[in-house]
Amino acid sequence: MFASNRLSYRKLSRTDFGFYCQLFSDQEVMKYTYLEAFSSKEEARYAFEKALVIQEDENQGTQYIAALKGRETAIGIIDYEVLIENNLGGIYEIGYFIQKAYWGKGYATEMGKALIDFLFNNKNIHKVVASCHANNQHSEAIMKKLGMSQEGVFKLARYKKGSWVDEIKYGLLRQDWSEGQYKINCRK
């Protein structure tokens, strides 16, 4: 579908359930996400089937498997959700999830840049946004590396592990983006 330096990307498909279940069942991967880690295969299967149905209409959103080039080893999932869409351009929210074995190697930043470039080059959008749990400093650092600017802190907007926490929002306007405008060091 599209590619970056070290990774190739393809739409989530029926054959990806095992990886999907494993990734989103990992407590550490899901520590700061909106959702809790899956606690059963049945719960994972329900979410997986729902994701497949949603992405049948790219005007709602799509999930992509990120795989190491040459080996096709899946290491993560990157996705977008359409928040607003009209004839003047839309607003898409991106998210990224990566296996722990690949943390700290620049892959999440590479995934984010590849998706942002893909969206601005192929969709009629004027803005890409992302958000994170206020304690997720790694995700916030990725958004900054992607050229996004902090747009606000939403007080007690996320419910996680029995308490409300702040959410930080970042955005990147089309006019502030141009492919290759920012250089990302994808290795630590």
N, C-alpha and C. Protein backbone atom coordinates (compact mmCIF):
# COMPACT_ATOMS: atom_id res chain seq x y z
N MET A 1 0.83 -1.20 0.00
CA MET A 1 0.00 0.00 0.00
C MET A 1 0.87 1.26 0.00
N PHE A 2 1.75 1.39 1.02
CA PHE A 2 2.76 2.45 1.03
C PHE A 2 3.93 1.95 1.87
N ALA A 3 5.02 2.71 1.88
CA ALA A 3 6.23 2.24 2.56
C ALA A 3 7.01 3.41 3.13
N SER A 4 7.93 3.10 4.02
CA SER A 4 8.88 4.07 4.56
C SER A 4 10.26 3.42 4.51
N ASN A 5 11.25 4.02 5.11
CA ASN A 5 12.62 3.50 5.00
C ASN A 5 12.74 2.03 5.38
N ARG A 6 12.23 1.67 6.54
CA ARG A 6 12.43 0.30 7.05
C ARG A 6 11.17 -0.54 7.07
N LEU A 7 10.04 0.08 6.74
CA LEU A 7 8.75 -0.60 6.93
C LEU A 7 7.88 -0.54 5.69
N SER A 8 7.01 -1.53 5.57
CA SER A 8 5.95 -1.50 4.56
C SER A 8 4.63 -1.55 5.31
N TYR A 9 3.57 -1.06 4.66
CA TYR A 9 2.27 -0.94 5.31
C TYR A 9 1.21 -1.54 4.41
N ARG A 10 0.28 -2.25 5.02
CA ARG A 10 -0.85 -2.82 4.29
C ARG A 10 -2.06 -2.79 5.20
N LYS A 11 -3.22 -2.76 4.58
CA LYS A 11 -4.46 -2.74 5.36
C LYS A 11 -4.58 -3.98 6.23
N LEU A 12 -5.13 -3.77 7.40
CA LEU A 12 -5.46 -4.88 8.30
C LEU A 12 -6.36 -5.85 7.55
N SER A 13 -6.09 -7.15 7.67
CA SER A 13 -6.91 -8.15 6.98
C SER A 13 -7.25 -9.29 7.92
N ARG A 14 -8.13 -10.16 7.48
CA ARG A 14 -8.58 -11.31 8.28
C ARG A 14 -7.44 -12.15 8.81
N THR A 15 -6.35 -12.23 8.07
CA THR A 15 -5.22 -13.07 8.48
C THR A 15 -4.42 -12.46 9.63
N ASP A 16 -4.74 -11.25 10.04
CA ASP A 16 -3.96 -10.55 11.06
C ASP A 16 -4.52 -10.70 12.48
N PHE A 17 -5.52 -11.54 12.67
CA PHE A 17 -6.14 -11.61 14.00
C PHE A 17 -5.15 -11.97 15.09
N GLY A 18 -4.28 -12.94 14.87
CA GLY A 18 -3.33 -13.36 15.90
C GLY A 18 -2.45 -12.20 16.35
N PHE A 19 -1.91 -11.45 15.40
CA PHE A 19 -1.06 -10.32 15.73
C PHE A 19 -1.88 -9.23 16.44
N TYR A 20 -3.05 -8.94 15.94
CA TYR A 20 -3.95 -7.93 16.51
C TYR A 20 -4.25 -8.27 17.97
N CYS A 21 -4.62 -9.53 18.20
CA CYS A 21 -4.96 -9.99 19.55
C CYS A 21 -3.75 -9.86 20.48
N GLN A 22 -2.60 -10.29 20.02
CA GLN A 22 -1.38 -10.25 20.83
C GLN A 22 -0.99 -8.80 21.16
N LEU A 23 -1.02 -7.92 20.16
CA LEU A 23 -0.61 -6.52 20.36
C LEU A 23 -1.53 -5.81 21.34
N PHE A 24 -2.83 -5.92 21.14
CA PHE A 24 -3.78 -5.19 21.97
C PHE A 24 -4.14 -5.89 23.27
N SER A 25 -3.54 -7.04 23.52
CA SER A 25 -3.69 -7.73 24.81
C SER A 25 -2.52 -7.42 25.73
N ASP A 26 -1.50 -6.78 25.22
CA ASP A 26 -0.29 -6.48 25.98
C ASP A 26 -0.55 -5.29 26.91
N GLN A 27 -0.45 -5.52 28.21
CA GLN A 27 -0.72 -4.48 29.21
C GLN A 27 0.17 -3.25 29.04
N GLU A 28 1.44 -3.46 28.71
CA GLU A 28 2.36 -2.32 28.56
C GLU A 28 2.05 -1.51 27.31
N VAL A 29 1.73 -2.17 26.21
CA VAL A 29 1.37 -1.47 24.98
C VAL A 29 0.12 -0.62 25.21
N MET A 30 -0.81 -1.15 25.97
CA MET A 30 -2.11 -0.49 26.17
C MET A 30 -2.15 0.43 27.40
N LYS A 31 -1.03 0.58 28.08
CA LYS A 31 -0.98 1.31 29.35
C LYS A 31 -1.62 2.70 29.28
N TYR A 32 -1.38 3.44 28.21
CA TYR A 32 -1.88 4.82 28.13
C TYR A 32 -2.98 5.03 27.10
N THR A 33 -3.47 3.96 26.50
CA THR A 33 -4.49 4.10 25.46
C THR A 33 -5.88 4.33 26.05
N TYR A 34 -6.81 4.71 25.18
CA TYR A 34 -8.19 4.88 25.63
C TYR A 34 -8.76 3.58 26.18
N LEU A 35 -8.48 2.51 25.47
CA LEU A 35 -9.05 1.21 25.82
C LEU A 35 -8.14 0.43 26.75
N GLU A 36 -8.73 -0.49 27.47
CA GLU A 36 -7.95 -1.42 28.28
C GLU A 36 -7.47 -2.55 27.38
N ALA A 37 -6.42 -3.22 27.79
CA ALA A 37 -5.93 -4.39 27.05
C ALA A 37 -7.03 -5.45 27.02
N PHE A 38 -7.10 -6.19 25.92
CA PHE A 38 -8.09 -7.26 25.82
C PHE A 38 -7.82 -8.29 26.91
N SER A 39 -8.87 -8.79 27.50
CA SER A 39 -8.73 -9.80 28.55
C SER A 39 -9.11 -11.19 28.06
N SER A 40 -9.63 -11.27 26.82
CA SER A 40 -10.00 -12.58 26.28
C SER A 40 -9.94 -12.55 24.76
N LYS A 41 -9.84 -13.73 24.16
CA LYS A 41 -9.85 -13.81 22.70
C LYS A 41 -11.19 -13.36 22.14
N GLU A 42 -12.27 -13.62 22.88
CA GLU A 42 -13.59 -13.22 22.42
C GLU A 42 -13.70 -11.70 22.34
N GLU A 43 -13.17 -11.01 23.35
CA GLU A 43 -13.16 -9.55 23.35
C GLU A 43 -12.33 -9.02 22.18
N ALA A 44 -11.17 -9.64 21.95
CA ALA A 44 -10.31 -9.24 20.83
C ALA A 44 -11.01 -9.50 19.50
N ARG A 45 -11.66 -10.63 19.38
CA ARG A 45 -12.34 -10.99 18.12
C ARG A 45 -13.43 -9.97 17.80
N TYR A 46 -14.21 -9.57 18.80
CA TYR A 46 -15.27 -8.59 18.61
C TYR A 46 -14.69 -7.27 18.08
N ALA A 47 -13.62 -6.76 18.71
CA ALA A 47 -13.00 -5.51 18.29
C ALA A 47 -12.39 -5.64 16.89
N PHE A 48 -11.78 -6.79 16.61
CA PHE A 48 -11.15 -7.04 15.32
C PHE A 48 -12.18 -7.03 14.20
N GLU A 49 -13.29 -7.72 14.41
CA GLU A 49 -14.35 -7.77 13.40
C GLU A 49 -14.93 -6.37 13.16
N LYS A 50 -15.10 -5.61 14.23
CA LYS A 50 -15.61 -4.24 14.12
C LYS A 50 -14.64 -3.37 13.32
N ALA A 51 -13.32 -3.52 13.57
CA ALA A 51 -12.31 -2.76 12.83
C ALA A 51 -12.36 -3.09 11.35
N LEU A 52 -12.53 -4.37 11.01
CA LEU A 52 -12.60 -4.77 9.60
C LEU A 52 -13.81 -4.15 8.91
N VAL A 53 -14.93 -4.11 9.61
CA VAL A 53 -16.15 -3.53 9.03
C VAL A 53 -15.97 -2.03 8.82
N ILE A 54 -15.44 -1.34 9.82
CA ILE A 54 -15.25 0.12 9.73
C ILE A 54 -14.37 0.48 8.55
N GLN A 55 -13.28 -0.27 8.35
CA GLN A 55 -12.35 0.12 7.30
C GLN A 55 -12.82 -0.23 5.90
N GLU A 56 -13.97 -0.90 5.79
CA GLU A 56 -14.55 -1.10 4.46
C GLU A 56 -14.90 0.24 3.83
N ASP A 57 -15.13 1.24 4.68
CA ASP A 57 -15.41 2.60 4.22
C ASP A 57 -14.25 3.48 4.68
N GLU A 58 -13.31 3.79 3.80
CA GLU A 58 -12.14 4.58 4.16
C GLU A 58 -12.52 5.99 4.64
N ASN A 59 -13.76 6.38 4.45
CA ASN A 59 -14.22 7.68 4.95
C ASN A 59 -14.50 7.63 6.45
N GLN A 60 -14.36 6.47 7.06
CA GLN A 60 -14.47 6.34 8.51
C GLN A 60 -13.09 6.20 9.15
N GLY A 61 -12.23 5.42 8.50
CA GLY A 61 -10.89 5.20 9.02
C GLY A 61 -10.34 3.87 8.54
N THR A 62 -9.07 3.65 8.80
CA THR A 62 -8.40 2.43 8.36
C THR A 62 -7.26 2.12 9.30
N GLN A 63 -7.01 0.82 9.49
CA GLN A 63 -5.86 0.36 10.26
C GLN A 63 -4.89 -0.32 9.31
N TYR A 64 -3.60 -0.05 9.52
CA TYR A 64 -2.55 -0.64 8.68
C TYR A 64 -1.57 -1.42 9.55
N ILE A 65 -1.18 -2.57 9.05
CA ILE A 65 -0.12 -3.35 9.67
C ILE A 65 1.20 -2.74 9.20
N ALA A 66 2.11 -2.47 10.13
CA ALA A 66 3.46 -2.02 9.81
C ALA A 66 4.36 -3.24 9.95
N ALA A 67 5.09 -3.56 8.87
CA ALA A 67 5.95 -4.75 8.86
C ALA A 67 7.35 -4.39 8.41
N LEU A 68 8.33 -5.11 8.95
CA LEU A 68 9.71 -4.92 8.54
C LEU A 68 9.86 -5.29 7.08
N LYS A 69 10.45 -4.41 6.30
CA LYS A 69 10.66 -4.69 4.88
C LYS A 69 11.54 -5.93 4.70
N GLY A 70 11.21 -6.70 3.69
CA GLY A 70 12.00 -7.87 3.38
C GLY A 70 11.63 -9.10 4.18
N ARG A 71 11.23 -8.92 5.43
CA ARG A 71 10.84 -10.06 6.27
C ARG A 71 9.34 -10.13 6.46
N GLU A 72 8.67 -9.01 6.24
CA GLU A 72 7.22 -8.90 6.42
C GLU A 72 6.79 -9.28 7.83
N THR A 73 7.69 -9.08 8.79
CA THR A 73 7.38 -9.32 10.20
C THR A 73 6.58 -8.14 10.73
N ALA A 74 5.35 -8.37 11.18
CA ALA A 74 4.51 -7.30 11.72
C ALA A 74 5.10 -6.81 13.04
N ILE A 75 5.23 -5.49 13.17
CA ILE A 75 5.74 -4.92 14.41
C ILE A 75 4.75 -3.96 15.07
N GLY A 76 3.74 -3.53 14.32
CA GLY A 76 2.80 -2.58 14.90
C GLY A 76 1.62 -2.31 14.01
N ILE A 77 0.75 -1.45 14.50
CA ILE A 77 -0.43 -1.01 13.76
C ILE A 77 -0.49 0.50 13.85
N ILE A 78 -0.75 1.12 12.71
CA ILE A 78 -0.98 2.56 12.66
C ILE A 78 -2.35 2.76 12.03
N ASP A 79 -3.08 3.74 12.52
CA ASP A 79 -4.43 3.91 12.00
C ASP A 79 -4.81 5.38 11.90
N TYR A 80 -5.90 5.60 11.20
CA TYR A 80 -6.51 6.92 11.20
C TYR A 80 -8.01 6.77 11.36
N GLU A 81 -8.59 7.80 11.95
CA GLU A 81 -10.05 7.90 12.08
C GLU A 81 -10.44 9.25 11.51
N VAL A 82 -11.49 9.26 10.70
CA VAL A 82 -11.99 10.50 10.13
C VAL A 82 -12.86 11.19 11.17
N LEU A 83 -12.44 12.36 11.60
CA LEU A 83 -13.23 13.12 12.58
C LEU A 83 -14.22 14.03 11.90
N ILE A 84 -13.75 14.73 10.86
CA ILE A 84 -14.58 15.66 10.10
C ILE A 84 -14.18 15.53 8.64
N GLU A 85 -15.16 15.55 7.76
CA GLU A 85 -14.84 15.54 6.34
C GLU A 85 -15.90 16.36 5.61
N ASN A 86 -15.41 17.27 4.78
CA ASN A 86 -16.29 18.06 3.93
C ASN A 86 -15.53 18.45 2.67
N ASN A 87 -16.16 19.20 1.78
CA ASN A 87 -15.50 19.51 0.51
C ASN A 87 -14.31 20.47 0.65
N LEU A 88 -14.14 21.11 1.79
CA LEU A 88 -12.99 21.98 2.02
C LEU A 88 -11.83 21.24 2.68
N GLY A 89 -12.01 19.98 2.99
CA GLY A 89 -10.96 19.18 3.62
C GLY A 89 -11.41 18.69 4.97
N GLY A 90 -10.79 17.63 5.40
CA GLY A 90 -11.20 17.02 6.65
C GLY A 90 -10.14 17.10 7.72
N ILE A 91 -10.49 16.52 8.87
CA ILE A 91 -9.57 16.37 9.99
C ILE A 91 -9.52 14.88 10.32
N TYR A 92 -8.32 14.32 10.30
CA TYR A 92 -8.11 12.91 10.57
C TYR A 92 -7.25 12.78 11.83
N GLU A 93 -7.62 11.83 12.70
CA GLU A 93 -6.82 11.56 13.88
C GLU A 93 -6.04 10.28 13.65
N ILE A 94 -4.73 10.32 13.97
CA ILE A 94 -3.89 9.13 13.81
C ILE A 94 -3.56 8.53 15.17
N GLY A 95 -3.23 7.24 15.14
CA GLY A 95 -2.79 6.54 16.34
C GLY A 95 -1.76 5.50 15.95
N TYR A 96 -0.90 5.13 16.88
CA TYR A 96 0.15 4.15 16.59
C TYR A 96 0.34 3.23 17.79
N PHE A 97 0.56 1.97 17.48
CA PHE A 97 0.75 0.92 18.48
C PHE A 97 1.90 0.05 18.00
N ILE A 98 2.84 -0.25 18.87
CA ILE A 98 4.02 -0.98 18.44
C ILE A 98 4.42 -2.01 19.50
N GLN A 99 4.89 -3.16 19.06
CA GLN A 99 5.33 -4.19 19.98
C GLN A 99 6.51 -3.68 20.80
N LYS A 100 6.59 -4.12 22.06
CA LYS A 100 7.64 -3.65 22.98
C LYS A 100 9.04 -3.90 22.44
N ALA A 101 9.25 -5.00 21.75
CA ALA A 101 10.58 -5.34 21.23
C ALA A 101 11.12 -4.28 20.27
N TYR A 102 10.24 -3.43 19.74
CA TYR A 102 10.64 -2.41 18.76
C TYR A 102 10.58 -1.00 19.32
N TRP A 103 10.31 -0.85 20.62
CA TRP A 103 10.29 0.46 21.25
C TRP A 103 11.70 1.05 21.27
N GLY A 104 11.77 2.36 21.18
CA GLY A 104 13.03 3.07 21.33
C GLY A 104 13.95 3.00 20.12
N LYS A 105 13.44 2.56 18.99
CA LYS A 105 14.26 2.41 17.79
C LYS A 105 13.79 3.34 16.66
N GLY A 106 12.86 4.24 16.95
CA GLY A 106 12.38 5.18 15.95
C GLY A 106 11.28 4.65 15.05
N TYR A 107 10.81 3.44 15.28
CA TYR A 107 9.79 2.87 14.39
C TYR A 107 8.45 3.60 14.50
N ALA A 108 8.03 3.96 15.71
CA ALA A 108 6.74 4.64 15.86
C ALA A 108 6.76 5.99 15.14
N THR A 109 7.87 6.71 15.22
CA THR A 109 7.99 7.98 14.51
C THR A 109 7.97 7.75 13.01
N GLU A 110 8.67 6.74 12.56
CA GLU A 110 8.69 6.41 11.13
C GLU A 110 7.28 6.05 10.65
N MET A 111 6.56 5.28 11.47
CA MET A 111 5.17 4.91 11.12
C MET A 111 4.29 6.15 11.02
N GLY A 112 4.42 7.05 12.01
CA GLY A 112 3.60 8.26 12.02
C GLY A 112 3.87 9.14 10.81
N LYS A 113 5.14 9.33 10.48
CA LYS A 113 5.49 10.17 9.33
C LYS A 113 4.95 9.55 8.04
N ALA A 114 5.10 8.22 7.91
CA ALA A 114 4.62 7.55 6.69
C ALA A 114 3.12 7.74 6.53
N LEU A 115 2.37 7.60 7.63
CA LEU A 115 0.92 7.76 7.54
C LEU A 115 0.53 9.20 7.26
N ILE A 116 1.17 10.15 7.93
CA ILE A 116 0.87 11.56 7.68
C ILE A 116 1.14 11.91 6.22
N ASP A 117 2.29 11.50 5.70
CA ASP A 117 2.61 11.77 4.30
C ASP A 117 1.57 11.12 3.38
N PHE A 118 1.21 9.88 3.67
CA PHE A 118 0.22 9.17 2.86
C PHE A 118 -1.12 9.92 2.86
N LEU A 119 -1.56 10.35 4.05
CA LEU A 119 -2.85 11.05 4.14
C LEU A 119 -2.84 12.38 3.41
N PHE A 120 -1.82 13.21 3.64
CA PHE A 120 -1.78 14.50 2.96
C PHE A 120 -1.61 14.35 1.44
N ASN A 121 -0.93 13.31 1.01
CA ASN A 121 -0.74 13.10 -0.43
C ASN A 121 -1.94 12.47 -1.12
N ASN A 122 -2.80 11.78 -0.37
CA ASN A 122 -3.87 11.00 -1.00
C ASN A 122 -5.29 11.34 -0.55
N LYS A 123 -5.44 12.17 0.44
CA LYS A 123 -6.77 12.50 0.95
C LYS A 123 -6.96 14.01 0.95
N ASN A 124 -8.19 14.42 0.83
CA ASN A 124 -8.53 15.84 0.88
C ASN A 124 -8.70 16.25 2.34
N ILE A 125 -7.58 16.46 3.01
CA ILE A 125 -7.66 16.87 4.41
C ILE A 125 -6.84 18.13 4.61
N HIS A 126 -7.21 18.86 5.62
CA HIS A 126 -6.46 20.08 5.91
C HIS A 126 -5.72 19.97 7.25
N LYS A 127 -6.00 18.88 8.02
CA LYS A 127 -5.35 18.78 9.31
C LYS A 127 -5.29 17.33 9.77
N VAL A 128 -4.16 16.98 10.41
CA VAL A 128 -4.00 15.69 11.08
C VAL A 128 -3.81 15.99 12.56
N VAL A 129 -4.49 15.23 13.41
CA VAL A 129 -4.36 15.41 14.86
C VAL A 129 -3.99 14.09 15.51
N ALA A 130 -3.49 14.18 16.72
CA ALA A 130 -3.19 13.01 17.54
C ALA A 130 -3.31 13.45 18.99
N SER A 131 -3.50 12.49 19.88
CA SER A 131 -3.60 12.83 21.29
C SER A 131 -2.94 11.74 22.12
N CYS A 132 -2.64 12.10 23.36
CA CYS A 132 -2.05 11.10 24.25
C CYS A 132 -2.45 11.38 25.69
N HIS A 133 -2.37 10.35 26.48
CA HIS A 133 -2.51 10.40 27.93
C HIS A 133 -1.43 11.36 28.43
N ALA A 134 -1.74 12.23 29.35
CA ALA A 134 -0.80 13.26 29.81
C ALA A 134 0.50 12.69 30.37
N ASN A 135 0.48 11.45 30.83
CA ASN A 135 1.70 10.84 31.38
C ASN A 135 2.52 10.09 30.33
N ASN A 136 2.06 10.05 29.09
CA ASN A 136 2.75 9.29 28.05
C ASN A 136 3.76 10.20 27.33
N GLN A 137 4.89 10.40 27.98
CA GLN A 137 5.92 11.30 27.44
C GLN A 137 6.49 10.79 26.13
N HIS A 138 6.56 9.48 25.94
CA HIS A 138 7.12 8.93 24.70
C HIS A 138 6.22 9.26 23.51
N SER A 139 4.91 9.11 23.68
CA SER A 139 3.99 9.42 22.59
C SER A 139 4.01 10.92 22.29
N GLU A 140 4.07 11.73 23.32
CA GLU A 140 4.13 13.17 23.11
C GLU A 140 5.40 13.56 22.35
N ALA A 141 6.52 12.91 22.67
CA ALA A 141 7.78 13.18 21.96
C ALA A 141 7.66 12.80 20.48
N ILE A 142 6.96 11.72 20.19
CA ILE A 142 6.76 11.30 18.80
C ILE A 142 5.96 12.36 18.05
N MET A 143 4.89 12.87 18.66
CA MET A 143 4.09 13.90 17.99
C MET A 143 4.92 15.13 17.68
N LYS A 144 5.80 15.51 18.59
CA LYS A 144 6.68 16.66 18.35
C LYS A 144 7.63 16.37 17.19
N LYS A 145 8.21 15.16 17.15
CA LYS A 145 9.12 14.79 16.07
C LYS A 145 8.41 14.79 14.72
N LEU A 146 7.11 14.55 14.73
CA LEU A 146 6.32 14.53 13.49
C LEU A 146 5.97 15.94 13.01
N GLY A 147 6.42 16.95 13.73
CA GLY A 147 6.17 18.33 13.32
C GLY A 147 4.84 18.86 13.82
N MET A 148 4.20 18.12 14.70
CA MET A 148 2.90 18.54 15.24
C MET A 148 3.11 19.56 16.36
N SER A 149 2.13 20.42 16.55
CA SER A 149 2.18 21.42 17.61
C SER A 149 1.10 21.12 18.64
N GLN A 150 1.46 21.36 19.89
CA GLN A 150 0.47 21.15 20.95
C GLN A 150 -0.65 22.17 20.80
N GLU A 151 -1.87 21.68 20.84
CA GLU A 151 -3.03 22.56 20.68
C GLU A 151 -3.83 22.71 21.95
N GLY A 152 -3.57 21.86 22.92
CA GLY A 152 -4.29 22.01 24.16
C GLY A 152 -4.18 20.81 25.07
N VAL A 153 -4.57 21.06 26.31
CA VAL A 153 -4.66 20.00 27.31
C VAL A 153 -6.13 19.92 27.72
N PHE A 154 -6.70 18.77 27.56
CA PHE A 154 -8.09 18.56 27.92
C PHE A 154 -8.11 17.94 29.32
N LYS A 155 -8.59 18.72 30.27
CA LYS A 155 -8.55 18.32 31.67
C LYS A 155 -9.45 17.11 31.92
N LEU A 156 -8.87 16.12 32.57
CA LEU A 156 -9.57 14.91 33.01
C LEU A 156 -10.49 14.35 31.92
N ALA A 157 -9.94 14.19 30.72
CA ALA A 157 -10.72 13.76 29.56
C ALA A 157 -10.61 12.27 29.26
N ARG A 158 -9.68 11.57 29.90
CA ARG A 158 -9.51 10.13 29.66
C ARG A 158 -9.73 9.37 30.96
N TYR A 159 -10.46 8.29 30.85
CA TYR A 159 -10.68 7.42 32.01
C TYR A 159 -9.82 6.19 31.84
N LYS A 160 -8.90 5.99 32.76
CA LYS A 160 -7.98 4.87 32.67
C LYS A 160 -7.70 4.30 34.05
N LYS A 161 -7.84 3.02 34.18
CA LYS A 161 -7.52 2.32 35.43
C LYS A 161 -8.20 2.96 36.64
N GLY A 162 -9.47 3.30 36.50
CA GLY A 162 -10.24 3.78 37.63
C GLY A 162 -10.12 5.25 37.97
N SER A 163 -9.45 6.03 37.12
CA SER A 163 -9.38 7.47 37.40
C SER A 163 -9.34 8.27 36.10
N TRP A 164 -9.69 9.53 36.24
CA TRP A 164 -9.67 10.44 35.10
C TRP A 164 -8.30 11.11 35.02
N VAL A 165 -7.79 11.25 33.79
CA VAL A 165 -6.49 11.88 33.57
C VAL A 165 -6.61 12.87 32.42
N ASP A 166 -5.64 13.79 32.36
CA ASP A 166 -5.62 14.78 31.29
C ASP A 166 -5.21 14.14 29.96
N GLU A 167 -5.65 14.75 28.88
CA GLU A 167 -5.29 14.34 27.52
C GLU A 167 -4.64 15.53 26.83
N ILE A 168 -3.55 15.26 26.11
CA ILE A 168 -2.84 16.31 25.39
C ILE A 168 -3.12 16.13 23.90
N LYS A 169 -3.51 17.20 23.23
CA LYS A 169 -3.83 17.17 21.79
C LYS A 169 -2.76 17.90 20.99
N TYR A 170 -2.40 17.30 19.87
CA TYR A 170 -1.45 17.88 18.93
C TYR A 170 -2.09 17.92 17.55
N GLY A 171 -1.63 18.84 16.70
CA GLY A 171 -2.15 18.92 15.35
C GLY A 171 -1.10 19.38 14.36
N LEU A 172 -1.35 19.07 13.09
CA LEU A 172 -0.49 19.50 12.00
C LEU A 172 -1.38 19.90 10.83
N LEU A 173 -1.31 21.16 10.45
CA LEU A 173 -2.08 21.67 9.31
C LEU A 173 -1.36 21.34 8.01
N ARG A 174 -2.15 21.13 6.95
CA ARG A 174 -1.55 20.87 5.64
C ARG A 174 -0.56 21.98 5.27
N GLN A 175 -0.91 23.22 5.52
CA GLN A 175 -0.04 24.34 5.13
C GLN A 175 1.28 24.33 5.90
N ASP A 176 1.34 23.64 7.03
CA ASP A 176 2.58 23.55 7.80
C ASP A 176 3.36 22.27 7.48
N TRP A 177 2.77 21.44 6.64
CA TRP A 177 3.39 20.18 6.24
C TRP A 177 3.78 20.26 4.78
N SER A 178 4.89 19.70 4.48
CA SER A 178 5.22 19.38 3.10
C SER A 178 6.12 18.16 3.17
N GLU A 179 5.91 17.25 2.27
CA GLU A 179 6.68 16.01 2.31
C GLU A 179 8.17 16.33 2.28
N GLY A 180 8.89 15.79 3.25
CA GLY A 180 10.31 16.05 3.33
C GLY A 180 10.68 17.34 4.04
N GLN A 181 9.68 18.12 4.47
CA GLN A 181 9.92 19.40 5.15
C GLN A 181 10.71 19.19 6.43
N TYR A 182 10.41 18.13 7.14
CA TYR A 182 11.08 17.88 8.39
C TYR A 182 11.85 16.57 8.29
N LYS A 183 13.02 16.57 8.84
CA LYS A 183 13.86 15.38 8.83
C LYS A 183 13.72 14.70 10.18
N ILE A 184 13.44 13.43 10.14
CA ILE A 184 13.25 12.67 11.37
C ILE A 184 14.41 11.71 11.55
N ASN A 185 14.98 11.72 12.75
CA ASN A 185 16.00 10.73 13.07
C ASN A 185 15.27 9.52 13.64
N CYS A 186 15.10 8.49 12.83
CA CYS A 186 14.33 7.33 13.24
C CYS A 186 15.13 6.33 14.06
N ARG A 187 16.35 6.63 14.33
CA ARG A 187 17.16 5.76 15.19
C ARG A 187 17.57 6.57 16.40
N LYS A 188 17.61 5.89 17.52
CA LYS A 188 17.95 6.57 18.77
C LYS A 188 19.39 6.99 18.81
